[in-house]
Amino acid sequence: MNPVTYAFGIVAALLAVLAIVELMRRSTLRERHAVWWLVGGVLALIVAVFPQTLTWVAGVLGIAIPTNLVFFIAIGLLFLVSLQYGAELTRIEEKLRVLAERAAVHDERIRRIEEPHRQDSPLRAPSSPPTHEDADGDGEDA
């Protein structure tokens, strides 16, 4: 294996793992969402440091070209990430539906509470402020 390719593989795998850890540290990526990304990053790091491992595993599984094993594992990991996000999206949609129903119930309760008050005081223009002519206190108009 070319030393430049070997070094590039190690650096790329390390950067991927470090990026995942940094995203988790900043709370941009939650731990439960990072599991499969970490698995992929660690596998990439193992294969980058010990490239003969990929060839050995491919031989054990009967895969003629080790690169095909890399693609198969990558597709499998992406499938698991997609499945995890789909499950999370389903949970979020259910919570959103429940919240929307609760908001509708609360809106209806507020409408029923406010409705009698609206009927008691119909909308009309407020009375005009007293003028200086009414200042004598007799209440009669001139």
N, C-alpha and C. Protein backbone atom coordinates (compact mmCIF):
# COMPACT_ATOMS: atom_id res chain seq x y z
N MET A 1 0.85 -1.18 0.00
CA MET A 1 0.00 0.00 0.00
C MET A 1 0.89 1.24 0.00
N ASN A 2 0.48 2.21 -0.77
CA ASN A 2 1.18 3.47 -0.88
C ASN A 2 1.15 4.19 0.47
N PRO A 3 2.28 4.68 0.98
CA PRO A 3 2.29 5.37 2.28
C PRO A 3 1.40 6.62 2.32
N VAL A 4 1.29 7.32 1.20
CA VAL A 4 0.44 8.51 1.16
C VAL A 4 -1.03 8.10 1.32
N THR A 5 -1.45 7.06 0.62
CA THR A 5 -2.82 6.56 0.74
C THR A 5 -3.10 6.07 2.15
N TYR A 6 -2.12 5.38 2.74
CA TYR A 6 -2.25 4.87 4.10
C TYR A 6 -2.44 6.04 5.09
N ALA A 7 -1.61 7.07 4.97
CA ALA A 7 -1.71 8.23 5.85
C ALA A 7 -3.02 8.98 5.62
N PHE A 8 -3.43 9.12 4.37
CA PHE A 8 -4.68 9.80 4.06
C PHE A 8 -5.87 9.08 4.68
N GLY A 9 -5.89 7.76 4.61
CA GLY A 9 -6.97 6.97 5.21
C GLY A 9 -7.07 7.18 6.70
N ILE A 10 -5.91 7.17 7.37
CA ILE A 10 -5.89 7.37 8.83
C ILE A 10 -6.38 8.78 9.19
N VAL A 11 -5.87 9.78 8.48
CA VAL A 11 -6.26 11.16 8.76
C VAL A 11 -7.75 11.37 8.50
N ALA A 12 -8.27 10.83 7.41
CA ALA A 12 -9.69 11.00 7.09
C ALA A 12 -10.57 10.33 8.15
N ALA A 13 -10.19 9.13 8.58
CA ALA A 13 -10.97 8.43 9.60
C ALA A 13 -10.90 9.16 10.94
N LEU A 14 -9.73 9.65 11.30
CA LEU A 14 -9.60 10.42 12.54
C LEU A 14 -10.44 11.70 12.50
N LEU A 15 -10.40 12.40 11.37
CA LEU A 15 -11.20 13.61 11.23
C LEU A 15 -12.70 13.31 11.35
N ALA A 16 -13.12 12.19 10.78
CA ALA A 16 -14.54 11.83 10.87
C ALA A 16 -14.94 11.56 12.31
N VAL A 17 -14.13 10.79 13.03
CA VAL A 17 -14.44 10.48 14.44
C VAL A 17 -14.39 11.76 15.27
N LEU A 18 -13.39 12.58 15.05
CA LEU A 18 -13.30 13.84 15.80
C LEU A 18 -14.47 14.77 15.51
N ALA A 19 -14.91 14.82 14.27
CA ALA A 19 -16.06 15.66 13.91
C ALA A 19 -17.32 15.17 14.63
N ILE A 20 -17.52 13.87 14.68
CA ILE A 20 -18.69 13.31 15.36
C ILE A 20 -18.64 13.63 16.85
N VAL A 21 -17.48 13.44 17.46
CA VAL A 21 -17.34 13.72 18.89
C VAL A 21 -17.55 15.22 19.16
N GLU A 22 -17.03 16.07 18.30
CA GLU A 22 -17.19 17.51 18.49
C GLU A 22 -18.65 17.93 18.34
N LEU A 23 -19.36 17.35 17.39
CA LEU A 23 -20.79 17.65 17.23
C LEU A 23 -21.57 17.21 18.47
N MET A 24 -21.19 16.09 19.04
CA MET A 24 -21.86 15.63 20.27
C MET A 24 -21.51 16.56 21.43
N ARG A 25 -20.27 17.00 21.51
CA ARG A 25 -19.84 17.88 22.59
C ARG A 25 -20.59 19.21 22.55
N ARG A 26 -20.83 19.72 21.36
CA ARG A 26 -21.54 20.99 21.19
C ARG A 26 -23.06 20.82 21.24
N SER A 27 -23.52 19.62 21.46
CA SER A 27 -24.96 19.29 21.49
C SER A 27 -25.64 19.54 20.15
N THR A 28 -24.87 19.52 19.08
CA THR A 28 -25.45 19.62 17.74
C THR A 28 -25.96 18.26 17.29
N LEU A 29 -25.30 17.22 17.75
CA LEU A 29 -25.68 15.84 17.44
C LEU A 29 -25.83 15.10 18.77
N ARG A 30 -27.02 14.58 19.00
CA ARG A 30 -27.27 13.88 20.26
C ARG A 30 -26.66 12.48 20.20
N GLU A 31 -26.36 11.95 21.38
CA GLU A 31 -25.68 10.66 21.47
C GLU A 31 -26.45 9.55 20.78
N ARG A 32 -27.77 9.54 20.97
CA ARG A 32 -28.56 8.45 20.38
C ARG A 32 -28.56 8.52 18.86
N HIS A 33 -28.30 9.69 18.29
CA HIS A 33 -28.23 9.82 16.84
C HIS A 33 -26.82 9.56 16.32
N ALA A 34 -25.84 9.65 17.21
CA ALA A 34 -24.45 9.52 16.80
C ALA A 34 -23.93 8.09 16.85
N VAL A 35 -24.70 7.17 17.40
CA VAL A 35 -24.21 5.81 17.60
C VAL A 35 -23.71 5.19 16.30
N TRP A 36 -24.56 5.19 15.28
CA TRP A 36 -24.17 4.52 14.03
C TRP A 36 -23.06 5.29 13.31
N TRP A 37 -23.04 6.63 13.47
CA TRP A 37 -21.95 7.40 12.87
C TRP A 37 -20.63 7.06 13.55
N LEU A 38 -20.67 6.91 14.87
CA LEU A 38 -19.44 6.52 15.59
C LEU A 38 -18.99 5.12 15.19
N VAL A 39 -19.94 4.21 15.04
CA VAL A 39 -19.58 2.85 14.61
C VAL A 39 -18.87 2.91 13.26
N GLY A 40 -19.44 3.67 12.33
CA GLY A 40 -18.81 3.80 11.01
C GLY A 40 -17.44 4.45 11.09
N GLY A 41 -17.31 5.49 11.91
CA GLY A 41 -16.02 6.16 12.05
C GLY A 41 -14.96 5.27 12.66
N VAL A 42 -15.35 4.51 13.68
CA VAL A 42 -14.39 3.59 14.32
C VAL A 42 -14.00 2.47 13.36
N LEU A 43 -14.97 1.93 12.63
CA LEU A 43 -14.64 0.90 11.63
C LEU A 43 -13.69 1.46 10.56
N ALA A 44 -13.95 2.68 10.12
CA ALA A 44 -13.06 3.30 9.13
C ALA A 44 -11.67 3.49 9.70
N LEU A 45 -11.58 3.87 10.97
CA LEU A 45 -10.27 4.05 11.60
C LEU A 45 -9.53 2.71 11.72
N ILE A 46 -10.24 1.66 12.10
CA ILE A 46 -9.61 0.33 12.20
C ILE A 46 -9.09 -0.11 10.84
N VAL A 47 -9.92 0.06 9.81
CA VAL A 47 -9.50 -0.35 8.46
C VAL A 47 -8.35 0.53 7.96
N ALA A 48 -8.36 1.81 8.34
CA ALA A 48 -7.28 2.70 7.90
C ALA A 48 -5.96 2.33 8.57
N VAL A 49 -6.00 1.99 9.86
CA VAL A 49 -4.77 1.64 10.57
C VAL A 49 -4.31 0.23 10.21
N PHE A 50 -5.26 -0.69 10.08
CA PHE A 50 -4.93 -2.09 9.76
C PHE A 50 -5.64 -2.49 8.47
N PRO A 51 -5.14 -2.06 7.32
CA PRO A 51 -5.83 -2.34 6.05
C PRO A 51 -5.94 -3.84 5.73
N GLN A 52 -5.03 -4.64 6.26
CA GLN A 52 -5.10 -6.08 6.00
C GLN A 52 -6.34 -6.70 6.65
N THR A 53 -6.92 -6.02 7.65
CA THR A 53 -8.14 -6.51 8.30
C THR A 53 -9.29 -6.56 7.30
N LEU A 54 -9.41 -5.57 6.45
CA LEU A 54 -10.47 -5.54 5.44
C LEU A 54 -10.32 -6.71 4.48
N THR A 55 -9.10 -6.96 4.04
CA THR A 55 -8.85 -8.08 3.13
C THR A 55 -9.17 -9.40 3.81
N TRP A 56 -8.80 -9.55 5.08
CA TRP A 56 -9.06 -10.79 5.82
C TRP A 56 -10.57 -11.02 6.00
N VAL A 57 -11.30 -9.96 6.41
CA VAL A 57 -12.74 -10.10 6.62
C VAL A 57 -13.44 -10.40 5.30
N ALA A 58 -13.02 -9.74 4.23
CA ALA A 58 -13.62 -9.99 2.92
C ALA A 58 -13.38 -11.45 2.52
N GLY A 59 -12.18 -11.97 2.78
CA GLY A 59 -11.89 -13.37 2.45
C GLY A 59 -12.73 -14.33 3.27
N VAL A 60 -12.90 -14.03 4.56
CA VAL A 60 -13.70 -14.89 5.44
C VAL A 60 -15.16 -14.92 4.98
N LEU A 61 -15.68 -13.77 4.56
CA LEU A 61 -17.07 -13.69 4.11
C LEU A 61 -17.26 -14.12 2.66
N GLY A 62 -16.17 -14.42 1.95
CA GLY A 62 -16.25 -14.88 0.57
C GLY A 62 -16.45 -13.75 -0.43
N ILE A 63 -16.07 -12.55 -0.06
CA ILE A 63 -16.20 -11.40 -0.96
C ILE A 63 -14.88 -11.24 -1.70
N ALA A 64 -14.94 -11.27 -3.04
CA ALA A 64 -13.73 -11.28 -3.85
C ALA A 64 -12.97 -9.97 -3.79
N ILE A 65 -13.68 -8.86 -3.78
CA ILE A 65 -13.03 -7.55 -3.81
C ILE A 65 -13.32 -6.85 -2.49
N PRO A 66 -12.28 -6.57 -1.68
CA PRO A 66 -12.49 -5.94 -0.37
C PRO A 66 -13.24 -4.61 -0.43
N THR A 67 -13.08 -3.87 -1.52
CA THR A 67 -13.78 -2.60 -1.66
C THR A 67 -15.29 -2.80 -1.66
N ASN A 68 -15.76 -3.93 -2.20
CA ASN A 68 -17.19 -4.22 -2.17
C ASN A 68 -17.69 -4.36 -0.73
N LEU A 69 -16.85 -4.92 0.14
CA LEU A 69 -17.22 -5.02 1.55
C LEU A 69 -17.36 -3.64 2.17
N VAL A 70 -16.48 -2.73 1.81
CA VAL A 70 -16.56 -1.35 2.32
C VAL A 70 -17.89 -0.73 1.90
N PHE A 71 -18.25 -0.88 0.64
CA PHE A 71 -19.51 -0.32 0.17
C PHE A 71 -20.71 -0.98 0.85
N PHE A 72 -20.64 -2.29 1.04
CA PHE A 72 -21.73 -2.99 1.70
C PHE A 72 -21.90 -2.50 3.14
N ILE A 73 -20.81 -2.35 3.86
CA ILE A 73 -20.88 -1.87 5.24
C ILE A 73 -21.39 -0.43 5.28
N ALA A 74 -20.91 0.41 4.35
CA ALA A 74 -21.36 1.80 4.31
C ALA A 74 -22.86 1.89 4.03
N ILE A 75 -23.34 1.10 3.09
CA ILE A 75 -24.77 1.10 2.78
C ILE A 75 -25.56 0.59 3.99
N GLY A 76 -25.05 -0.44 4.65
CA GLY A 76 -25.71 -0.96 5.84
C GLY A 76 -25.79 0.07 6.95
N LEU A 77 -24.70 0.79 7.19
CA LEU A 77 -24.71 1.83 8.22
C LEU A 77 -25.66 2.97 7.86
N LEU A 78 -25.67 3.37 6.60
CA LEU A 78 -26.59 4.42 6.18
C LEU A 78 -28.04 3.97 6.29
N PHE A 79 -28.29 2.70 6.03
CA PHE A 79 -29.64 2.16 6.21
C PHE A 79 -30.05 2.23 7.68
N LEU A 80 -29.14 1.85 8.58
CA LEU A 80 -29.46 1.90 10.01
C LEU A 80 -29.69 3.34 10.48
N VAL A 81 -28.88 4.28 10.00
CA VAL A 81 -29.08 5.68 10.36
C VAL A 81 -30.44 6.16 9.85
N SER A 82 -30.77 5.81 8.62
CA SER A 82 -32.05 6.20 8.05
C SER A 82 -33.21 5.59 8.83
N LEU A 83 -33.08 4.35 9.21
CA LEU A 83 -34.11 3.67 10.00
C LEU A 83 -34.28 4.35 11.36
N GLN A 84 -33.18 4.70 11.98
CA GLN A 84 -33.23 5.38 13.28
C GLN A 84 -33.91 6.74 13.15
N TYR A 85 -33.57 7.50 12.12
CA TYR A 85 -34.21 8.80 11.91
C TYR A 85 -35.69 8.64 11.57
N GLY A 86 -36.05 7.61 10.85
CA GLY A 86 -37.46 7.36 10.54
C GLY A 86 -38.25 7.07 11.81
N ALA A 87 -37.68 6.27 12.70
CA ALA A 87 -38.34 5.97 13.97
C ALA A 87 -38.48 7.23 14.81
N GLU A 88 -37.44 8.05 14.85
CA GLU A 88 -37.48 9.30 15.61
C GLU A 88 -38.52 10.25 15.02
N LEU A 89 -38.59 10.32 13.71
CA LEU A 89 -39.58 11.18 13.05
C LEU A 89 -40.99 10.72 13.38
N THR A 90 -41.22 9.42 13.44
CA THR A 90 -42.53 8.89 13.80
C THR A 90 -42.90 9.30 15.22
N ARG A 91 -41.96 9.19 16.15
CA ARG A 91 -42.23 9.60 17.53
C ARG A 91 -42.54 11.09 17.60
N ILE A 92 -41.79 11.89 16.87
CA ILE A 92 -42.00 13.35 16.89
C ILE A 92 -43.36 13.70 16.28
N GLU A 93 -43.74 13.03 15.19
CA GLU A 93 -45.04 13.30 14.58
C GLU A 93 -46.17 12.96 15.55
N GLU A 94 -46.05 11.88 16.30
CA GLU A 94 -47.06 11.51 17.29
C GLU A 94 -47.16 12.57 18.39
N LYS A 95 -46.01 13.03 18.88
CA LYS A 95 -46.02 14.08 19.91
C LYS A 95 -46.63 15.37 19.36
N LEU A 96 -46.32 15.70 18.13
CA LEU A 96 -46.87 16.90 17.50
C LEU A 96 -48.39 16.80 17.36
N ARG A 97 -48.88 15.63 16.99
CA ARG A 97 -50.32 15.43 16.87
C ARG A 97 -51.00 15.62 18.21
N VAL A 98 -50.43 15.04 19.27
CA VAL A 98 -51.00 15.17 20.61
C VAL A 98 -50.99 16.64 21.04
N LEU A 99 -49.89 17.34 20.80
CA LEU A 99 -49.82 18.76 21.16
C LEU A 99 -50.84 19.59 20.39
N ALA A 100 -51.04 19.29 19.11
CA ALA A 100 -52.01 20.02 18.31
C ALA A 100 -53.43 19.78 18.84
N GLU A 101 -53.72 18.54 19.22
CA GLU A 101 -55.03 18.24 19.79
C GLU A 101 -55.23 18.97 21.11
N ARG A 102 -54.23 18.98 21.96
CA ARG A 102 -54.33 19.70 23.24
C ARG A 102 -54.52 21.20 23.01
N ALA A 103 -53.80 21.75 22.06
CA ALA A 103 -53.94 23.19 21.77
C ALA A 103 -55.35 23.49 21.28
N ALA A 104 -55.92 22.61 20.46
CA ALA A 104 -57.28 22.82 19.97
C ALA A 104 -58.28 22.77 21.12
N VAL A 105 -58.09 21.84 22.06
CA VAL A 105 -58.98 21.75 23.21
C VAL A 105 -58.86 23.01 24.06
N HIS A 106 -57.64 23.48 24.30
CA HIS A 106 -57.44 24.70 25.09
C HIS A 106 -58.04 25.92 24.39
N ASP A 107 -57.87 26.02 23.08
CA ASP A 107 -58.46 27.13 22.33
C ASP A 107 -59.97 27.13 22.46
N GLU A 108 -60.57 25.96 22.38
CA GLU A 108 -62.02 25.85 22.52
C GLU A 108 -62.47 26.26 23.92
N ARG A 109 -61.74 25.84 24.95
CA ARG A 109 -62.08 26.22 26.32
C ARG A 109 -61.97 27.74 26.50
N ILE A 110 -60.94 28.33 25.96
CA ILE A 110 -60.76 29.78 26.07
C ILE A 110 -61.88 30.50 25.34
N ARG A 111 -62.26 30.02 24.17
CA ARG A 111 -63.34 30.63 23.41
C ARG A 111 -64.64 30.58 24.20
N ARG A 112 -64.93 29.45 24.84
CA ARG A 112 -66.16 29.32 25.63
C ARG A 112 -66.14 30.22 26.86
N ILE A 113 -64.98 30.39 27.46
CA ILE A 113 -64.88 31.25 28.64
C ILE A 113 -65.04 32.72 28.25
N GLU A 114 -64.46 33.13 27.15
CA GLU A 114 -64.50 34.53 26.72
C GLU A 114 -65.80 34.91 26.04
N GLU A 115 -66.55 33.97 25.53
CA GLU A 115 -67.76 34.26 24.77
C GLU A 115 -68.81 35.03 25.58
N PRO A 116 -69.15 34.67 26.82
CA PRO A 116 -70.15 35.45 27.57
C PRO A 116 -69.71 36.89 27.81
N HIS A 117 -68.45 37.13 27.99
CA HIS A 117 -67.95 38.49 28.22
C HIS A 117 -68.12 39.34 26.97
N ARG A 118 -67.98 38.75 25.84
CA ARG A 118 -68.14 39.49 24.59
C ARG A 118 -69.60 39.87 24.37
N GLN A 119 -70.54 39.02 24.77
CA GLN A 119 -71.96 39.32 24.59
C GLN A 119 -72.41 40.42 25.55
N ASP A 120 -71.85 40.47 26.76
CA ASP A 120 -72.23 41.48 27.73
C ASP A 120 -71.79 42.88 27.32
N SER A 121 -70.68 42.99 26.71
CA SER A 121 -70.18 44.31 26.32
C SER A 121 -69.95 44.32 24.82
N PRO A 122 -71.01 44.68 24.06
CA PRO A 122 -70.85 44.70 22.60
C PRO A 122 -69.83 45.76 22.18
N LEU A 123 -69.28 45.52 21.07
CA LEU A 123 -68.27 46.45 20.57
C LEU A 123 -68.94 47.76 20.14
N ARG A 124 -68.51 48.83 20.71
CA ARG A 124 -69.00 50.15 20.33
C ARG A 124 -67.90 51.15 20.61
N ALA A 125 -68.04 52.30 20.04
CA ALA A 125 -67.03 53.33 20.21
C ALA A 125 -67.06 53.83 21.65
N PRO A 126 -65.93 54.03 22.26
CA PRO A 126 -65.92 54.54 23.63
C PRO A 126 -66.52 55.94 23.66
N SER A 127 -67.14 56.30 24.83
CA SER A 127 -67.76 57.62 24.95
C SER A 127 -66.69 58.69 24.85
N SER A 128 -67.11 59.84 24.32
CA SER A 128 -66.14 60.92 24.14
C SER A 128 -65.80 61.54 25.49
N PRO A 129 -64.59 62.02 25.62
CA PRO A 129 -64.19 62.63 26.89
C PRO A 129 -64.99 63.90 27.14
N PRO A 130 -65.21 64.22 28.42
CA PRO A 130 -66.00 65.42 28.73
C PRO A 130 -65.31 66.67 28.20
N THR A 131 -66.12 67.61 27.77
CA THR A 131 -65.59 68.88 27.28
C THR A 131 -65.59 69.90 28.40
N HIS A 132 -65.02 71.06 28.16
CA HIS A 132 -64.96 72.10 29.19
C HIS A 132 -66.35 72.65 29.52
N GLU A 133 -67.31 72.45 28.60
CA GLU A 133 -68.66 72.93 28.85
C GLU A 133 -69.34 72.12 29.93
N ASP A 134 -68.95 70.78 30.06
CA ASP A 134 -69.55 69.93 31.08
C ASP A 134 -68.84 70.08 32.42
N ALA A 135 -67.90 70.94 32.50
CA ALA A 135 -67.10 71.07 33.71
C ALA A 135 -67.88 71.69 34.88
N ASP A 136 -69.02 72.33 34.62
CA ASP A 136 -69.77 72.95 35.72
C ASP A 136 -70.45 71.92 36.59
N GLY A 137 -70.54 70.69 36.11
CA GLY A 137 -71.05 69.61 36.93
C GLY A 137 -72.55 69.48 36.94
N ASP A 138 -73.29 70.28 36.17
CA ASP A 138 -74.74 70.13 36.20
C ASP A 138 -75.22 69.01 35.28
N GLY A 139 -74.36 68.54 34.39
CA GLY A 139 -74.67 67.41 33.54
C GLY A 139 -75.61 67.77 32.41
N GLU A 140 -75.96 69.03 32.26
CA GLU A 140 -76.85 69.43 31.19
C GLU A 140 -76.04 69.89 29.99
N ASP A 141 -76.59 69.63 28.85
CA ASP A 141 -75.93 70.07 27.63
C ASP A 141 -76.34 71.48 27.34
N ALA A 142 -75.50 72.23 26.74
CA ALA A 142 -75.81 73.61 26.43
C ALA A 142 -76.57 73.76 25.17
